[in-house]
Amino acid sequence: MMRPVLLGALVAVVAALSGCGEKPQTLSGVKTDVPAYQGADNKFVAPGWKPGDKNSWEQDLKTRALNTQNEYSRITK
């Protein structure tokens, strides 16, 4: 009778302490002090967009919002 109670208490203690070993989730190596339109210089940027071109960035956001993120324009009747 005592063994299941002790086992249950042990499982509860282990479950309660399991979150103590989690590493902090901090940003490492990410610069957040530059505007978004200056962007990254890697292979994942949109084709035709050049980092640092603010007008191109704003146009691309507007186009993407109208064409791909607007459910009303995506639904055909």
C-alpha atoms as a PDB file:
ATOM      1  CA  MET A   1       0.000   0.000   0.000  1.00  0.00           C
ATOM      2  CA  MET A   2       2.815   2.367   0.823  1.00  0.00           C
ATOM      3  CA  ARG A   3       4.733   1.587  -2.362  1.00  0.00           C
ATOM      4  CA  PRO A   4       2.176   3.105  -4.884  1.00  0.00           C
ATOM      5  CA  VAL A   5       1.880   6.266  -2.782  1.00  0.00           C
ATOM      6  CA  LEU A   6       5.654   6.644  -2.618  1.00  0.00           C
ATOM      7  CA  LEU A   7       5.954   6.009  -6.358  1.00  0.00           C
ATOM      8  CA  GLY A   8       3.256   8.592  -7.105  1.00  0.00           C
ATOM      9  CA  ALA A   9       4.992  11.163  -4.896  1.00  0.00           C
ATOM     10  CA  LEU A  10       8.320  10.464  -6.598  1.00  0.00           C
ATOM     11  CA  VAL A  11       6.776  10.911 -10.065  1.00  0.00           C
ATOM     12  CA  ALA A  12       5.191  14.194  -8.932  1.00  0.00           C
ATOM     13  CA  VAL A  13       8.528  15.505  -7.623  1.00  0.00           C
ATOM     14  CA  VAL A  14      10.353  14.537 -10.822  1.00  0.00           C
ATOM     15  CA  ALA A  15       7.647  16.190 -12.953  1.00  0.00           C
ATOM     16  CA  ALA A  16       7.794  19.361 -10.861  1.00  0.00           C
ATOM     17  CA  LEU A  17      11.567  19.608 -11.137  1.00  0.00           C
ATOM     18  CA  SER A  18      11.779  18.732 -14.843  1.00  0.00           C
ATOM     19  CA  GLY A  19      11.363  22.374 -15.905  1.00  0.00           C
ATOM     20  CA  CYS A  20      14.334  23.530 -13.828  1.00  0.00           C
ATOM     21  CA  GLY A  21      16.877  22.201 -16.314  1.00  0.00           C
ATOM     22  CA  GLU A  22      15.592  24.136 -19.316  1.00  0.00           C
ATOM     23  CA  LYS A  23      18.063  26.491 -20.960  1.00  0.00           C
ATOM     24  CA  PRO A  24      17.083  30.164 -21.279  1.00  0.00           C
ATOM     25  CA  GLN A  25      15.792  31.054 -24.740  1.00  0.00           C
ATOM     26  CA  THR A  26      17.667  34.199 -25.665  1.00  0.00           C
ATOM     27  CA  LEU A  27      18.523  35.703 -29.002  1.00  0.00           C
ATOM     28  CA  SER A  28      22.101  34.962 -29.885  1.00  0.00           C
ATOM     29  CA  GLY A  29      23.810  36.615 -32.789  1.00  0.00           C
ATOM     30  CA  VAL A  30      20.667  38.391 -34.013  1.00  0.00           C
ATOM     31  CA  LYS A  31      20.905  42.125 -34.582  1.00  0.00           C
ATOM     32  CA  THR A  32      17.622  43.889 -33.910  1.00  0.00           C
ATOM     33  CA  ASP A  33      18.895  47.453 -34.095  1.00  0.00           C
ATOM     34  CA  VAL A  34      18.488  47.833 -37.869  1.00  0.00           C
ATOM     35  CA  PRO A  35      15.255  48.494 -39.785  1.00  0.00           C
ATOM     36  CA  ALA A  36      13.579  45.487 -41.373  1.00  0.00           C
ATOM     37  CA  TYR A  37      13.993  46.775 -44.927  1.00  0.00           C
ATOM     38  CA  GLN A  38      17.778  46.591 -44.605  1.00  0.00           C
ATOM     39  CA  GLY A  39      17.252  42.870 -44.317  1.00  0.00           C
ATOM     40  CA  ALA A  40      19.506  39.897 -44.550  1.00  0.00           C
ATOM     41  CA  ASP A  41      21.957  39.218 -47.283  1.00  0.00           C
ATOM     42  CA  ASN A  42      21.284  35.533 -47.854  1.00  0.00           C
ATOM     43  CA  LYS A  43      19.577  33.181 -50.293  1.00  0.00           C
ATOM     44  CA  PHE A  44      16.168  33.383 -48.587  1.00  0.00           C
ATOM     45  CA  VAL A  45      15.250  36.931 -49.607  1.00  0.00           C
ATOM     46  CA  ALA A  46      12.525  37.505 -52.174  1.00  0.00           C
ATOM     47  CA  PRO A  47      13.714  37.482 -55.789  1.00  0.00           C
ATOM     48  CA  GLY A  48      14.300  40.955 -57.176  1.00  0.00           C
ATOM     49  CA  TRP A  49      14.520  42.641 -53.776  1.00  0.00           C
ATOM     50  CA  LYS A  50      17.785  44.259 -52.733  1.00  0.00           C
ATOM     51  CA  PRO A  51      18.611  44.771 -49.044  1.00  0.00           C
ATOM     52  CA  GLY A  52      18.441  48.450 -48.100  1.00  0.00           C
ATOM     53  CA  ASP A  53      15.805  49.450 -50.681  1.00  0.00           C
ATOM     54  CA  LYS A  54      12.959  50.786 -48.513  1.00  0.00           C
ATOM     55  CA  ASN A  55      10.527  51.497 -51.372  1.00  0.00           C
ATOM     56  CA  SER A  56      10.971  48.014 -52.803  1.00  0.00           C
ATOM     57  CA  TRP A  57      10.429  46.545 -49.329  1.00  0.00           C
ATOM     58  CA  GLU A  58       7.150  48.436 -48.827  1.00  0.00           C
ATOM     59  CA  GLN A  59       5.893  47.520 -52.315  1.00  0.00           C
ATOM     60  CA  ASP A  60       6.690  43.862 -51.726  1.00  0.00           C
ATOM     61  CA  LEU A  61       4.793  43.906 -48.411  1.00  0.00           C
ATOM     62  CA  LYS A  62       1.749  45.498 -50.058  1.00  0.00           C
ATOM     63  CA  THR A  63       1.821  43.051 -52.962  1.00  0.00           C
ATOM     64  CA  ARG A  64       2.185  40.051 -50.665  1.00  0.00           C
ATOM     65  CA  ALA A  65      -0.654  41.255 -48.433  1.00  0.00           C
ATOM     66  CA  LEU A  66      -2.979  41.751 -51.398  1.00  0.00           C
ATOM     67  CA  ASN A  67      -2.131  38.649 -53.409  1.00  0.00           C
ATOM     68  CA  THR A  68      -1.220  35.881 -51.007  1.00  0.00           C
ATOM     69  CA  GLN A  69      -2.483  36.819 -47.543  1.00  0.00           C
ATOM     70  CA  ASN A  70      -5.938  38.079 -48.471  1.00  0.00           C
ATOM     71  CA  GLU A  71      -8.453  35.221 -48.371  1.00  0.00           C
ATOM     72  CA  TYR A  72     -11.086  37.230 -50.268  1.00  0.00           C
ATOM     73  CA  SER A  73      -8.851  37.592 -53.326  1.00  0.00           C
ATOM     74  CA  ARG A  74      -7.777  33.931 -53.187  1.00  0.00           C
ATOM     75  CA  ILE A  75     -11.289  32.457 -53.213  1.00  0.00           C
ATOM     76  CA  THR A  76     -12.744  32.054 -56.683  1.00  0.00           C
ATOM     77  CA  LYS A  77     -16.481  31.833 -57.259  1.00  0.00           C
END
